């Protein structure tokens, strides 16, 4: 049975990630993983670098995004 990390933050996730895409790809390859995902927070700055490094390592790259969606608070209706 193979395993693939689906929630990985690179150093492009400001304040929540530290690793570089190339280092993650090398480690995943060394562990025999068939693929790896990055889900950086709020941006896709590292997507191209990650894709390139994952392909070089023979991995299936999965590109995701962790997004924060603001919601408006409901206003009470008049008369209620």
N, C-alpha and C. Protein backbone atom coordinates (compact mmCIF):
# COMPACT_ATOMS: atom_id res chain seq x y z
N UNK A 1 0.85 -1.17 0.00
CA UNK A 1 0.00 0.00 0.00
C UNK A 1 0.89 1.24 0.00
N UNK A 2 0.59 2.21 -0.84
CA UNK A 2 1.40 3.42 -0.90
C UNK A 2 0.71 4.56 -0.14
N UNK A 3 1.50 5.56 0.18
CA UNK A 3 1.02 6.70 0.96
C UNK A 3 1.44 7.98 0.25
N UNK A 4 0.55 8.95 0.24
CA UNK A 4 0.85 10.26 -0.36
C UNK A 4 0.38 11.35 0.59
N UNK A 5 1.29 12.26 0.93
CA UNK A 5 0.90 13.41 1.76
C UNK A 5 0.04 14.36 0.92
N UNK A 6 -1.11 14.72 1.42
CA UNK A 6 -2.02 15.61 0.69
C UNK A 6 -2.14 16.98 1.32
N UNK A 7 -1.44 17.24 2.41
CA UNK A 7 -1.51 18.56 3.05
C UNK A 7 -0.09 18.95 3.48
N UNK A 8 0.63 19.57 2.57
CA UNK A 8 2.02 19.96 2.81
C UNK A 8 2.18 21.44 2.51
N UNK A 9 2.76 22.18 3.45
CA UNK A 9 3.02 23.60 3.25
C UNK A 9 4.51 23.80 2.99
N UNK A 10 4.82 24.55 1.95
CA UNK A 10 6.22 24.88 1.66
C UNK A 10 6.55 26.24 2.29
N UNK A 11 7.76 26.70 2.03
CA UNK A 11 8.14 28.00 2.59
C UNK A 11 7.38 29.16 1.93
N UNK A 12 6.60 28.86 0.90
CA UNK A 12 5.75 29.88 0.30
C UNK A 12 4.48 30.13 1.11
N UNK A 13 4.19 29.26 2.08
CA UNK A 13 3.08 29.49 3.01
C UNK A 13 3.64 30.30 4.16
N UNK A 14 3.53 31.59 4.04
CA UNK A 14 4.12 32.48 5.03
C UNK A 14 3.58 32.19 6.42
N UNK A 15 4.47 32.07 7.38
CA UNK A 15 4.20 31.82 8.79
C UNK A 15 3.72 30.40 9.11
N UNK A 16 3.58 29.52 8.12
CA UNK A 16 3.13 28.17 8.46
C UNK A 16 3.91 27.07 7.76
N UNK A 17 4.89 27.40 6.94
CA UNK A 17 5.66 26.38 6.24
C UNK A 17 7.14 26.73 6.25
N UNK A 18 7.98 25.71 6.15
CA UNK A 18 9.42 25.95 6.22
C UNK A 18 10.20 25.29 5.09
N UNK A 19 9.75 24.11 4.65
CA UNK A 19 10.51 23.34 3.67
C UNK A 19 10.42 23.88 2.25
N UNK A 20 11.41 23.52 1.45
CA UNK A 20 11.43 23.91 0.05
C UNK A 20 10.85 22.79 -0.80
N UNK A 21 10.18 23.13 -1.90
CA UNK A 21 9.56 22.11 -2.75
C UNK A 21 10.52 21.01 -3.21
N UNK A 22 11.73 21.38 -3.56
CA UNK A 22 12.71 20.39 -4.01
C UNK A 22 13.08 19.40 -2.91
N UNK A 23 13.22 19.89 -1.69
CA UNK A 23 13.55 19.03 -0.56
C UNK A 23 12.41 18.06 -0.27
N UNK A 24 11.18 18.54 -0.36
CA UNK A 24 10.03 17.66 -0.15
C UNK A 24 9.98 16.57 -1.22
N UNK A 25 10.25 16.93 -2.46
CA UNK A 25 10.23 15.97 -3.55
C UNK A 25 11.31 14.90 -3.36
N UNK A 26 12.51 15.30 -2.97
CA UNK A 26 13.59 14.34 -2.74
C UNK A 26 13.23 13.38 -1.62
N UNK A 27 12.65 13.90 -0.54
CA UNK A 27 12.30 13.04 0.59
C UNK A 27 11.18 12.07 0.22
N UNK A 28 10.19 12.55 -0.51
CA UNK A 28 9.09 11.68 -0.94
C UNK A 28 9.62 10.57 -1.85
N UNK A 29 10.55 10.91 -2.72
CA UNK A 29 11.16 9.91 -3.61
C UNK A 29 11.94 8.89 -2.79
N UNK A 30 12.70 9.35 -1.81
CA UNK A 30 13.49 8.46 -0.97
C UNK A 30 12.60 7.50 -0.18
N UNK A 31 11.39 7.95 0.18
CA UNK A 31 10.46 7.12 0.94
C UNK A 31 9.60 6.23 0.05
N UNK A 32 9.79 6.33 -1.27
CA UNK A 32 9.06 5.49 -2.20
C UNK A 32 7.61 5.89 -2.42
N UNK A 33 7.31 7.15 -2.19
CA UNK A 33 5.94 7.63 -2.41
C UNK A 33 5.70 7.84 -3.89
N UNK A 34 4.50 7.53 -4.39
CA UNK A 34 4.22 7.72 -5.81
C UNK A 34 3.92 9.17 -6.19
N UNK A 35 3.56 9.99 -5.21
CA UNK A 35 3.22 11.38 -5.48
C UNK A 35 3.34 12.21 -4.23
N UNK A 36 3.05 13.49 -4.37
CA UNK A 36 3.11 14.42 -3.25
C UNK A 36 2.24 15.62 -3.60
N UNK A 37 1.60 16.18 -2.60
CA UNK A 37 0.77 17.37 -2.81
C UNK A 37 1.34 18.54 -2.03
N UNK A 38 1.19 19.73 -2.57
CA UNK A 38 1.42 20.94 -1.78
C UNK A 38 0.09 21.68 -1.71
N UNK A 39 -0.17 22.22 -0.55
CA UNK A 39 -1.38 23.01 -0.34
C UNK A 39 -0.98 24.25 0.42
N UNK A 40 -0.26 25.12 -0.24
CA UNK A 40 0.20 26.34 0.41
C UNK A 40 -0.99 27.22 0.79
N UNK A 41 -0.79 28.00 1.82
CA UNK A 41 -1.86 28.83 2.36
C UNK A 41 -1.95 30.17 1.62
N UNK A 42 -3.03 30.34 0.89
CA UNK A 42 -3.34 31.63 0.29
C UNK A 42 -2.59 32.02 -0.96
N UNK A 43 -1.76 31.13 -1.52
CA UNK A 43 -1.03 31.49 -2.74
C UNK A 43 -0.59 30.24 -3.48
N UNK A 44 -0.21 30.44 -4.73
CA UNK A 44 0.31 29.36 -5.57
C UNK A 44 1.71 29.70 -6.08
N UNK A 45 2.46 30.49 -5.31
CA UNK A 45 3.78 30.93 -5.75
C UNK A 45 4.73 29.78 -6.03
N UNK A 46 4.64 28.70 -5.28
CA UNK A 46 5.56 27.59 -5.44
C UNK A 46 5.09 26.49 -6.36
N UNK A 47 3.95 26.67 -7.02
CA UNK A 47 3.36 25.60 -7.83
C UNK A 47 4.26 25.17 -8.98
N UNK A 48 4.84 26.09 -9.71
CA UNK A 48 5.67 25.74 -10.86
C UNK A 48 6.95 25.04 -10.40
N UNK A 49 7.60 25.60 -9.38
CA UNK A 49 8.83 24.99 -8.86
C UNK A 49 8.54 23.58 -8.34
N UNK A 50 7.44 23.42 -7.60
CA UNK A 50 7.07 22.12 -7.07
C UNK A 50 6.80 21.13 -8.20
N UNK A 51 6.03 21.54 -9.19
CA UNK A 51 5.70 20.66 -10.31
C UNK A 51 6.97 20.16 -10.99
N UNK A 52 7.88 21.08 -11.26
CA UNK A 52 9.12 20.74 -11.94
C UNK A 52 9.97 19.77 -11.11
N UNK A 53 10.12 20.05 -9.82
CA UNK A 53 10.94 19.19 -8.95
C UNK A 53 10.30 17.82 -8.75
N UNK A 54 8.98 17.77 -8.63
CA UNK A 54 8.30 16.49 -8.44
C UNK A 54 8.45 15.62 -9.69
N UNK A 55 8.30 16.21 -10.87
CA UNK A 55 8.46 15.44 -12.11
C UNK A 55 9.89 14.92 -12.25
N UNK A 56 10.88 15.75 -11.88
CA UNK A 56 12.28 15.32 -11.94
C UNK A 56 12.52 14.14 -11.02
N UNK A 57 11.80 14.08 -9.90
CA UNK A 57 11.96 13.00 -8.93
C UNK A 57 11.08 11.79 -9.27
N UNK A 58 10.32 11.88 -10.36
CA UNK A 58 9.46 10.77 -10.76
C UNK A 58 8.18 10.66 -9.95
N UNK A 59 7.74 11.77 -9.38
CA UNK A 59 6.54 11.79 -8.56
C UNK A 59 5.36 12.38 -9.33
N UNK A 60 4.17 12.02 -8.91
CA UNK A 60 2.95 12.62 -9.44
C UNK A 60 2.65 13.87 -8.61
N UNK A 61 2.82 15.07 -9.16
CA UNK A 61 2.58 16.28 -8.39
C UNK A 61 1.09 16.61 -8.30
N UNK A 62 0.65 16.96 -7.10
CA UNK A 62 -0.73 17.38 -6.86
C UNK A 62 -0.66 18.78 -6.30
N UNK A 63 -1.27 19.72 -6.99
CA UNK A 63 -1.21 21.13 -6.58
C UNK A 63 -2.55 21.54 -6.00
N UNK A 64 -2.51 22.03 -4.78
CA UNK A 64 -3.71 22.48 -4.10
C UNK A 64 -3.50 23.86 -3.50
N UNK A 65 -4.52 24.34 -2.85
CA UNK A 65 -4.48 25.65 -2.23
C UNK A 65 -5.33 25.63 -0.98
N UNK A 66 -4.78 26.12 0.10
CA UNK A 66 -5.56 26.28 1.33
C UNK A 66 -6.06 27.72 1.34
N UNK A 67 -7.36 27.87 1.20
CA UNK A 67 -7.94 29.21 1.10
C UNK A 67 -8.81 29.52 2.31
N UNK A 68 -8.76 30.76 2.72
CA UNK A 68 -9.64 31.25 3.77
C UNK A 68 -10.70 32.10 3.11
N UNK A 69 -11.93 31.73 3.31
CA UNK A 69 -13.02 32.46 2.68
C UNK A 69 -13.77 33.24 3.76
N UNK A 70 -13.69 34.56 3.72
CA UNK A 70 -14.40 35.34 4.75
C UNK A 70 -15.90 35.25 4.54
N UNK A 71 -16.62 35.26 5.62
CA UNK A 71 -18.07 35.24 5.50
C UNK A 71 -18.64 36.43 6.24
N UNK A 72 -19.74 36.91 5.73
CA UNK A 72 -20.39 38.04 6.35
C UNK A 72 -21.32 37.53 7.45
N UNK A 73 -21.37 38.28 8.51
CA UNK A 73 -22.30 37.93 9.57
C UNK A 73 -23.69 38.35 9.15
N UNK A 74 -24.66 37.53 9.49
CA UNK A 74 -26.04 37.84 9.13
C UNK A 74 -26.53 39.04 9.94
N UNK A 75 -27.21 39.91 9.26
CA UNK A 75 -27.82 41.06 9.92
C UNK A 75 -29.25 40.69 10.29
N UNK A 76 -29.67 40.99 11.51
CA UNK A 76 -31.07 40.67 11.86
C UNK A 76 -32.03 41.52 11.03
N UNK A 77 -33.13 40.90 10.65
CA UNK A 77 -34.15 41.61 9.87
C UNK A 77 -34.88 42.60 10.76
N UNK A 78 -35.37 43.64 10.12
CA UNK A 78 -36.15 44.65 10.84
C UNK A 78 -37.42 44.01 11.40
N UNK A 79 -37.75 44.30 12.61
CA UNK A 79 -38.98 43.82 13.21
C UNK A 79 -38.86 42.46 13.87
N UNK A 80 -37.70 41.92 13.93
CA UNK A 80 -37.54 40.61 14.59
C UNK A 80 -36.76 40.72 15.86
